[in-house]
Amino acid sequence: MEWNAMMIDFILIVSFAAAGAFIGAVTGIIPGLHTNNIAILLLAILSAAGIGIYLCILIVAAAISHTFLDIIPSTFIGAPEEDTALLVLPAHSMVLQGRGYEAICISALASLASVAVCFALLLPFRFVMEEPINFYEIIEKNMPWILICISAIVIFTNENIWKAILIFLLAGIFGMVIIDLNTSFLIQSSPIFPALAGLFGAPALLYAEKKILPEQNLEAEEIRVKKRDIGGGVMAGGIVAILPGVSSAIASTLALALKRERSNEAIVAILSATNTATNFFVLASLFIILKARSGFAIVMREFINVEKWSGFLIPYPYNLLLIAVIVSSTISYFLTKHIGKFVAKNISRISYRRLIRISISIILIMVFLFTGFLGLLIFGVASLIGITCLEMKVRRSVCMGVLLVPLILNYFL
């Protein structure tokens, strides 16, 4: 009987993890929809259902899956989310070279490799952040200075520093104006979505000069990612995952700013690894430092009792959630390649001008559904800043001042 009960539990864990992976796939390919929305919805309708651990398994699986699949809209229609904003230009550039599917495969492999490296570093991460090293206490005491250092790296890695400072401050002032605005319309959202869509999505599409979309190469068997790209992404994701108020977009900015090689392939790999690692370590931080650094982690605390990981053995239910990560990342890898190949195969049938119009229309519709007319205004202003950045030939990572400046000022004001 005990063996049967264990088998039933295992089947339920895998089933909920698989379901979460498919839910994350849906949220990943729909611009603006996030797993945080799904987590909040589950909390609203199933908080008293008595299946909290299984809902947490589903939420974790969806959060991991989302970081795999959200490369698809970023690549083919230039619609960014917070964690893929910097991916839009390099990935879409590969589409214009007929290598859109290759970009998808690089991203999928980088995310999968990131999960493997995260597991390898999980135990060291626990001992560095808490006893005996207690690195988290040092970070917490020096938070604003860390953010200032990240900002300095983003700015001073540009060739034209003064132009970079100008765009960074312009985006930062814009961020200060919009950060506290209530933009929720038909669907719960924040002003960050239209801001990033304008800063990164629209300019990438408007500046694409080709009028004919080349046929996409669907043969991508020899895909490789560099170890240092994955390692850099994992390190950036691990550091940022423990910082209060700092999103995966900032991790991406940090990882990219420290990267000397600027090839499209390297950028796609390192940012994909960063995004997946951030969610992995957000989950780890929940049990190591008892801090929820993302919406899905906040909801999970409502479903389960979070026990601090204080020894070598991984506590319950964190061990079950790690199983969900393995199941989800495996399913998501193949889902990303399969859906990406389907889109790449059919995307070239549409004229590029028409694709641009469709892509911008989709972004505008999603912005309106999530944030209404105010969101459209934010999108328009952000687009002007993004276009100015491209005109000045400044790295677009400086546009992340929209997040960094409000965060820094929040500590001093």
Protein backbone atom coordinates (compact mmCIF):
# COMPACT_ATOMS: atom_id res chain seq x y z
CA MET A 1 0.00 0.00 0.00
CA GLU A 2 2.84 2.39 0.86
CA TRP A 3 4.51 1.64 -2.48
CA ASN A 4 1.24 2.33 -4.30
CA ALA A 5 0.84 5.62 -2.47
CA MET A 6 4.37 6.64 -3.43
CA MET A 7 3.69 5.79 -7.07
CA ILE A 8 0.48 7.81 -7.03
CA ASP A 9 2.34 10.77 -5.51
CA PHE A 10 5.08 10.50 -8.12
CA ILE A 11 2.54 10.33 -10.95
CA LEU A 12 0.74 13.38 -9.56
CA ILE A 13 4.01 15.31 -9.28
CA VAL A 14 5.00 14.53 -12.86
CA SER A 15 1.48 15.21 -14.15
CA PHE A 16 1.23 18.63 -12.48
CA ALA A 17 4.76 19.47 -13.63
CA ALA A 18 3.88 18.50 -17.21
CA ALA A 19 0.67 20.54 -17.04
CA GLY A 20 2.67 23.49 -15.74
CA ALA A 21 5.14 23.16 -18.59
CA PHE A 22 2.33 23.41 -21.14
CA ILE A 23 0.76 26.36 -19.30
CA GLY A 24 4.15 28.10 -19.30
CA ALA A 25 4.41 27.41 -23.02
CA VAL A 26 1.12 29.23 -23.58
CA THR A 27 2.13 32.22 -21.46
CA GLY A 28 5.53 32.24 -23.14
CA ILE A 29 4.23 32.58 -26.69
CA ILE A 30 1.59 35.20 -25.83
CA PRO A 31 3.26 38.61 -25.41
CA GLY A 32 2.41 40.28 -22.13
CA LEU A 33 0.98 37.20 -20.43
CA HIS A 34 3.11 35.98 -17.54
CA THR A 35 3.13 33.06 -15.15
CA ASN A 36 2.59 35.55 -12.33
CA ASN A 37 -0.89 36.14 -13.78
CA ILE A 38 -1.58 32.40 -13.73
CA ALA A 39 -0.27 32.07 -10.17
CA ILE A 40 -2.52 34.88 -8.94
CA LEU A 41 -5.49 33.31 -10.74
CA LEU A 42 -4.82 29.94 -9.08
CA LEU A 43 -4.59 31.64 -5.70
CA ALA A 44 -7.93 33.36 -6.27
CA ILE A 45 -9.90 30.26 -7.27
CA LEU A 46 -8.09 27.30 -5.64
CA SER A 47 -6.64 28.61 -2.38
CA ALA A 48 -9.00 26.42 -0.34
CA ALA A 49 -8.71 23.31 -2.51
CA GLY A 50 -6.20 21.54 -0.22
CA ILE A 51 -3.73 20.73 -3.02
CA GLY A 52 -1.24 23.52 -2.34
CA ILE A 53 1.91 21.52 -3.01
CA TYR A 54 0.64 20.31 -6.38
CA LEU A 55 -0.36 23.84 -7.37
CA CYS A 56 3.14 25.00 -6.42
CA ILE A 57 4.61 22.25 -8.61
CA LEU A 58 2.44 23.51 -11.47
CA ILE A 59 3.47 27.14 -10.86
CA VAL A 60 7.20 26.33 -10.72
CA ALA A 61 6.98 24.24 -13.88
CA ALA A 62 5.14 27.06 -15.66
CA ALA A 63 7.70 29.65 -14.51
CA ILE A 64 10.59 27.58 -15.89
CA SER A 65 8.77 26.72 -19.13
CA HIS A 66 7.94 30.37 -19.73
CA THR A 67 11.65 31.25 -19.87
CA PHE A 68 12.14 28.69 -22.65
CA LEU A 69 9.17 29.60 -24.85
CA ASP A 70 9.20 33.39 -24.63
CA ILE A 71 12.06 33.46 -27.14
CA ILE A 72 9.53 32.70 -29.91
CA PRO A 73 7.52 35.97 -29.93
CA SER A 74 10.72 37.94 -29.27
CA THR A 75 12.35 36.35 -32.29
CA PHE A 76 9.59 36.33 -34.87
CA ILE A 77 7.38 39.30 -34.01
CA GLY A 78 9.72 41.42 -31.93
CA ALA A 79 7.40 41.45 -28.92
CA PRO A 80 9.50 41.57 -25.74
CA GLU A 81 8.74 40.78 -22.15
CA GLU A 82 10.77 42.07 -19.25
CA ASP A 83 13.18 39.12 -19.37
CA THR A 84 13.55 39.04 -23.19
CA ALA A 85 13.74 42.74 -24.03
CA LEU A 86 17.45 42.64 -24.90
CA LEU A 87 16.95 39.52 -27.02
CA VAL A 88 14.70 41.17 -29.60
CA LEU A 89 17.28 42.80 -31.87
CA PRO A 90 19.84 39.94 -32.11
CA ALA A 91 17.17 37.24 -32.45
CA HIS A 92 15.15 39.19 -35.02
CA SER A 93 18.36 39.94 -36.93
CA MET A 94 18.89 36.20 -37.25
CA VAL A 95 15.36 35.87 -38.67
CA LEU A 96 16.31 38.37 -41.40
CA GLN A 97 19.27 36.12 -42.22
CA GLY A 98 17.01 33.06 -42.52
CA ARG A 99 18.31 31.76 -39.17
CA GLY A 100 15.29 32.27 -36.94
CA TYR A 101 15.01 28.57 -36.10
CA GLU A 102 18.72 28.51 -35.26
CA ALA A 103 18.12 31.35 -32.76
CA ILE A 104 15.31 29.30 -31.19
CA CYS A 105 17.52 26.21 -30.93
CA ILE A 106 20.41 28.19 -29.40
CA SER A 107 18.03 29.67 -26.84
CA ALA A 108 16.47 26.30 -25.97
CA LEU A 109 19.87 24.63 -25.54
CA ALA A 110 21.20 27.55 -23.47
CA SER A 111 18.19 27.42 -21.15
CA LEU A 112 18.50 23.64 -20.73
CA ALA A 113 22.24 23.89 -20.09
CA SER A 114 21.53 26.69 -17.63
CA VAL A 115 19.26 24.39 -15.60
CA ALA A 116 21.99 21.73 -15.47
CA VAL A 117 24.59 24.26 -14.26
CA CYS A 118 22.12 25.67 -11.71
CA PHE A 119 21.66 22.21 -10.18
CA ALA A 120 25.44 21.78 -10.01
CA LEU A 121 25.81 25.12 -8.20
CA LEU A 122 22.77 24.78 -5.94
CA LEU A 123 24.60 23.47 -2.86
CA PRO A 124 27.47 26.00 -3.13
CA PHE A 125 24.85 28.74 -3.62
CA ARG A 126 23.15 27.71 -0.38
CA PHE A 127 26.41 27.83 1.65
CA VAL A 128 27.58 31.11 0.10
CA MET A 129 24.32 32.96 0.70
CA GLU A 130 23.71 31.66 4.22
CA GLU A 131 25.82 29.93 6.86
CA PRO A 132 28.79 29.82 6.93
CA ILE A 133 29.64 32.67 4.48
CA ASN A 134 26.45 34.78 4.77
CA PHE A 135 27.11 36.68 1.55
CA TYR A 136 23.46 37.72 1.39
CA GLU A 137 23.89 39.97 4.44
CA ILE A 138 26.71 41.82 2.68
CA ILE A 139 24.62 42.25 -0.47
CA GLU A 140 21.59 43.47 1.48
CA LYS A 141 23.60 46.16 3.28
CA ASN A 142 25.17 47.45 0.05
CA MET A 143 22.20 47.15 -2.31
CA PRO A 144 22.10 50.71 -3.73
CA TRP A 145 25.85 50.68 -4.40
CA ILE A 146 25.56 47.36 -6.21
CA LEU A 147 22.83 48.83 -8.43
CA ILE A 148 25.00 51.89 -9.10
CA CYS A 149 27.89 49.60 -10.09
CA ILE A 150 25.61 47.69 -12.48
CA SER A 151 24.49 50.99 -14.01
CA ALA A 152 28.11 52.12 -14.41
CA ILE A 153 28.99 48.88 -16.18
CA VAL A 154 26.02 49.28 -18.53
CA ILE A 155 27.01 52.87 -19.39
CA PHE A 156 30.81 52.69 -19.57
CA THR A 157 30.92 49.62 -21.82
CA ASN A 158 29.59 51.84 -24.64
CA GLU A 159 31.93 53.52 -27.12
CA ASN A 160 30.20 56.91 -26.79
CA ILE A 161 29.82 57.32 -23.04
CA TRP A 162 28.09 60.72 -23.12
CA LYS A 163 25.39 59.50 -25.48
CA ALA A 164 24.97 56.41 -23.31
CA ILE A 165 24.56 58.59 -20.20
CA LEU A 166 21.97 60.71 -22.02
CA ILE A 167 19.86 57.70 -23.06
CA PHE A 168 20.26 56.06 -19.65
CA LEU A 169 19.03 59.18 -17.84
CA LEU A 170 16.25 59.76 -20.37
CA ALA A 171 15.01 56.19 -19.87
CA GLY A 172 15.47 56.56 -16.11
CA ILE A 173 13.40 59.74 -15.88
CA PHE A 174 10.75 58.05 -17.99
CA GLY A 175 10.82 55.10 -15.58
CA MET A 176 10.38 57.39 -12.59
CA VAL A 177 7.31 58.96 -14.20
CA ILE A 178 5.55 55.69 -15.06
CA ILE A 179 6.68 53.24 -12.36
CA ASP A 180 3.80 53.86 -9.94
CA LEU A 181 1.06 54.39 -12.52
CA ASN A 182 -1.95 52.09 -12.33
CA THR A 183 -2.20 50.86 -15.90
CA SER A 184 -4.23 47.66 -15.43
CA PHE A 185 -7.08 47.56 -17.94
CA LEU A 186 -8.86 44.37 -19.00
CA ILE A 187 -6.07 42.18 -17.58
CA GLN A 188 -3.87 42.79 -14.52
CA SER A 189 -0.60 44.34 -15.64
CA SER A 190 2.03 47.01 -14.93
CA PRO A 191 3.45 49.92 -16.95
CA ILE A 192 6.67 47.95 -17.47
CA PHE A 193 5.12 45.90 -20.31
CA PRO A 194 4.24 48.83 -22.64
CA ALA A 195 7.49 50.58 -21.68
CA LEU A 196 9.68 47.64 -22.69
CA ALA A 197 7.58 46.94 -25.78
CA GLY A 198 8.25 50.52 -26.86
CA LEU A 199 11.91 50.66 -25.86
CA PHE A 200 12.88 47.34 -27.43
CA GLY A 201 10.10 45.86 -29.58
CA ALA A 202 8.90 48.64 -31.89
CA PRO A 203 12.34 50.10 -32.78
CA ALA A 204 13.68 46.66 -33.74
CA LEU A 205 10.76 46.22 -36.15
CA LEU A 206 10.75 49.75 -37.54
CA TYR A 207 14.48 49.68 -38.24
CA ALA A 208 14.39 46.36 -40.08
CA GLU A 209 15.13 47.34 -43.68
CA LYS A 210 14.50 44.14 -45.64
CA LYS A 211 11.25 43.97 -47.53
CA ILE A 212 11.43 40.23 -48.24
CA LEU A 213 11.63 37.75 -45.41
CA PRO A 214 14.07 35.00 -46.42
CA GLU A 215 13.10 31.36 -46.22
CA GLN A 216 14.11 30.05 -42.82
CA ASN A 217 16.69 27.30 -42.58
CA LEU A 218 15.11 24.45 -40.63
CA GLU A 219 18.28 22.38 -40.33
CA ALA A 220 19.97 23.24 -37.05
CA GLU A 221 21.56 20.00 -35.86
CA GLU A 222 25.01 21.42 -35.06
CA ILE A 223 23.89 23.87 -32.42
CA ARG A 224 26.45 24.59 -29.73
CA VAL A 225 26.68 27.07 -26.90
CA LYS A 226 29.86 28.20 -25.17
CA LYS A 227 30.45 27.21 -21.56
CA ARG A 228 31.43 30.74 -20.55
CA ASP A 229 28.16 32.11 -21.98
CA ILE A 230 26.13 29.68 -19.90
CA GLY A 231 28.32 30.25 -16.85
CA GLY A 232 28.04 34.02 -17.16
CA GLY A 233 24.27 33.82 -17.53
CA VAL A 234 23.90 31.54 -14.51
CA MET A 235 26.10 33.75 -12.34
CA ALA A 236 24.16 36.89 -13.31
CA GLY A 237 20.84 35.13 -12.71
CA GLY A 238 21.98 33.84 -9.33
CA ILE A 239 23.14 37.24 -8.12
CA VAL A 240 20.10 39.18 -9.29
CA ALA A 241 17.61 36.56 -8.04
CA ILE A 242 18.43 37.48 -4.44
CA LEU A 243 18.24 41.27 -4.89
CA PRO A 244 14.98 42.87 -3.75
CA GLY A 245 13.03 44.60 -6.51
CA VAL A 246 15.53 43.63 -9.20
CA SER A 247 14.14 41.67 -12.14
CA SER A 248 15.63 39.21 -14.62
CA ALA A 249 15.87 42.12 -17.06
CA ILE A 250 18.59 43.62 -14.87
CA ALA A 251 20.36 40.24 -14.74
CA SER A 252 20.28 40.20 -18.54
CA THR A 253 21.67 43.73 -18.64
CA LEU A 254 24.51 42.81 -16.29
CA ALA A 255 25.37 39.60 -18.13
CA LEU A 256 25.40 41.35 -21.50
CA ALA A 257 27.40 44.35 -20.27
CA LEU A 258 30.18 42.03 -19.08
CA LYS A 259 30.23 40.16 -22.39
CA ARG A 260 32.97 41.16 -24.83
CA GLU A 261 31.80 39.05 -27.76
CA ARG A 262 28.79 40.74 -29.36
CA SER A 263 27.71 38.12 -31.91
CA ASN A 264 23.97 37.50 -32.16
CA GLU A 265 24.46 33.85 -31.25
CA ALA A 266 26.40 34.67 -28.08
CA ILE A 267 23.85 37.27 -26.99
CA VAL A 268 20.93 34.89 -27.50
CA ALA A 269 22.72 32.15 -25.54
CA ILE A 270 23.81 34.24 -22.56
CA LEU A 271 20.48 36.03 -22.15
CA SER A 272 18.47 32.81 -22.43
CA ALA A 273 20.68 31.19 -19.80
CA THR A 274 20.29 34.25 -17.58
CA ASN A 275 16.49 34.27 -17.78
CA THR A 276 16.11 30.60 -16.87
CA ALA A 277 18.74 30.80 -14.12
CA THR A 278 17.00 33.79 -12.56
CA ASN A 279 13.76 31.86 -12.03
CA PHE A 280 15.69 28.82 -10.78
CA PHE A 281 17.48 30.88 -8.14
CA VAL A 282 14.33 32.85 -7.26
CA LEU A 283 12.92 29.48 -6.20
CA ALA A 284 16.14 28.63 -4.35
CA SER A 285 16.10 31.99 -2.55
CA LEU A 286 12.62 31.27 -1.24
CA PHE A 287 14.01 28.34 0.78
CA ILE A 288 17.55 29.62 1.47
CA ILE A 289 16.96 33.22 2.59
CA LEU A 290 13.15 32.95 2.95
CA LYS A 291 12.62 35.84 0.51
CA ALA A 292 10.13 35.83 -2.38
CA ARG A 293 11.72 37.75 -5.27
CA SER A 294 9.02 37.19 -7.88
CA GLY A 295 5.25 37.12 -8.13
CA PHE A 296 5.09 33.34 -8.48
CA ALA A 297 7.22 32.88 -5.34
CA ILE A 298 4.95 35.23 -3.37
CA VAL A 299 1.91 33.16 -4.36
CA MET A 300 3.68 29.91 -3.44
CA ARG A 301 4.09 31.11 0.15
CA GLU A 302 0.30 31.28 0.35
CA PHE A 303 -0.02 27.63 -0.67
CA ILE A 304 2.73 25.95 1.37
CA ASN A 305 4.77 26.34 4.54
CA VAL A 306 8.28 27.31 3.44
CA GLU A 307 10.93 25.57 5.56
CA LYS A 308 14.37 27.17 5.59
CA TRP A 309 17.15 25.08 4.05
CA SER A 310 19.71 25.09 6.87
CA GLY A 311 21.73 21.91 6.33
CA PHE A 312 22.95 19.64 3.56
CA LEU A 313 19.64 17.87 2.95
CA ILE A 314 17.13 19.65 0.74
CA PRO A 315 13.94 20.26 2.75
CA TYR A 316 10.42 19.23 1.86
CA PRO A 317 8.72 20.45 -0.31
CA TYR A 318 11.69 22.05 -2.12
CA ASN A 319 12.83 18.59 -3.23
CA LEU A 320 9.50 18.03 -5.00
CA LEU A 321 9.69 21.43 -6.67
CA LEU A 322 13.14 20.57 -8.03
CA ILE A 323 11.62 17.48 -9.65
CA ALA A 324 9.13 19.85 -11.31
CA VAL A 325 12.05 21.91 -12.64
CA ILE A 326 13.61 18.82 -14.23
CA VAL A 327 10.34 17.66 -15.80
CA SER A 328 9.43 21.13 -17.04
CA SER A 329 12.82 21.99 -18.52
CA THR A 330 12.95 18.68 -20.40
CA ILE A 331 9.46 19.11 -21.87
CA SER A 332 10.04 22.81 -22.57
CA TYR A 333 13.23 22.16 -24.51
CA PHE A 334 11.42 19.98 -27.02
CA LEU A 335 8.32 22.20 -27.06
CA THR A 336 10.45 25.25 -27.86
CA LYS A 337 12.14 23.52 -30.78
CA HIS A 338 8.90 22.03 -32.10
CA ILE A 339 6.82 25.22 -31.93
CA GLY A 340 9.77 27.31 -33.11
CA LYS A 341 10.23 25.08 -36.14
CA PHE A 342 6.53 25.30 -37.00
CA VAL A 343 6.61 29.11 -36.82
CA ALA A 344 9.88 29.34 -38.78
CA LYS A 345 8.50 27.06 -41.49
CA ASN A 346 5.43 29.20 -42.04
CA ILE A 347 6.66 32.71 -41.26
CA SER A 348 8.43 33.21 -44.61
CA ARG A 349 5.11 32.77 -46.43
CA ILE A 350 4.18 36.24 -45.19
CA SER A 351 5.74 39.28 -46.88
CA TYR A 352 8.09 41.06 -44.50
CA ARG A 353 6.21 44.34 -44.72
CA ARG A 354 3.03 42.51 -43.82
CA LEU A 355 4.80 40.70 -40.98
CA ILE A 356 5.99 44.04 -39.59
CA ARG A 357 2.44 45.41 -39.70
CA ILE A 358 1.03 42.25 -38.10
CA SER A 359 3.74 42.25 -35.41
CA ILE A 360 3.23 45.90 -34.47
CA SER A 361 -0.55 45.37 -34.51
CA ILE A 362 -0.21 42.41 -32.12
CA ILE A 363 1.97 44.46 -29.78
CA LEU A 364 -0.49 47.38 -29.86
CA ILE A 365 -3.46 45.07 -29.22
CA MET A 366 -1.71 43.36 -26.30
CA VAL A 367 -0.63 46.72 -24.84
CA PHE A 368 -4.22 47.97 -25.06
CA LEU A 369 -5.72 44.80 -23.54
CA PHE A 370 -3.31 44.87 -20.62
CA THR A 371 -2.87 48.60 -20.03
CA GLY A 372 -5.51 50.53 -22.01
CA PHE A 373 -5.05 53.99 -23.52
CA LEU A 374 -2.53 55.00 -20.87
CA GLY A 375 -0.43 52.00 -21.87
CA LEU A 376 -0.55 53.08 -25.51
CA LEU A 377 0.75 56.51 -24.50
CA ILE A 378 3.58 54.89 -22.51
CA PHE A 379 4.34 52.66 -25.50
CA GLY A 380 4.54 55.68 -27.82
CA VAL A 381 6.92 57.66 -25.61
CA ALA A 382 9.07 54.58 -24.98
CA SER A 383 9.27 53.94 -28.74
CA LEU A 384 10.67 57.44 -29.28
CA ILE A 385 13.37 56.79 -26.66
CA GLY A 386 14.18 53.42 -28.23
CA ILE A 387 14.44 54.93 -31.71
CA THR A 388 16.68 57.71 -30.37
CA CYS A 389 18.94 55.05 -28.87
CA LEU A 390 19.30 53.35 -32.25
CA GLU A 391 19.88 56.68 -34.02
CA MET A 392 22.71 57.49 -31.61
CA LYS A 393 24.17 53.99 -32.11
CA VAL A 394 24.21 53.32 -28.38
CA ARG A 395 23.84 49.80 -26.96
CA ARG A 396 20.22 49.27 -26.15
CA SER A 397 21.02 47.85 -22.73
CA VAL A 398 21.29 51.47 -21.52
CA CYS A 399 17.51 51.70 -21.96
CA MET A 400 17.32 49.50 -18.86
CA GLY A 401 17.76 52.78 -17.01
CA VAL A 402 13.96 52.67 -17.05
CA LEU A 403 14.24 50.07 -14.25
CA LEU A 404 17.62 50.84 -12.69
CA VAL A 405 17.13 54.54 -11.96
CA PRO A 406 13.82 54.11 -10.06
CA LEU A 407 15.34 51.24 -8.07
CA ILE A 408 18.42 53.26 -7.10
CA LEU A 409 16.45 56.38 -6.17
CA ASN A 410 14.07 54.25 -4.11
CA TYR A 411 16.96 53.52 -1.72
CA PHE A 412 18.02 57.16 -1.36
CA LEU A 413 14.69 59.00 -1.34
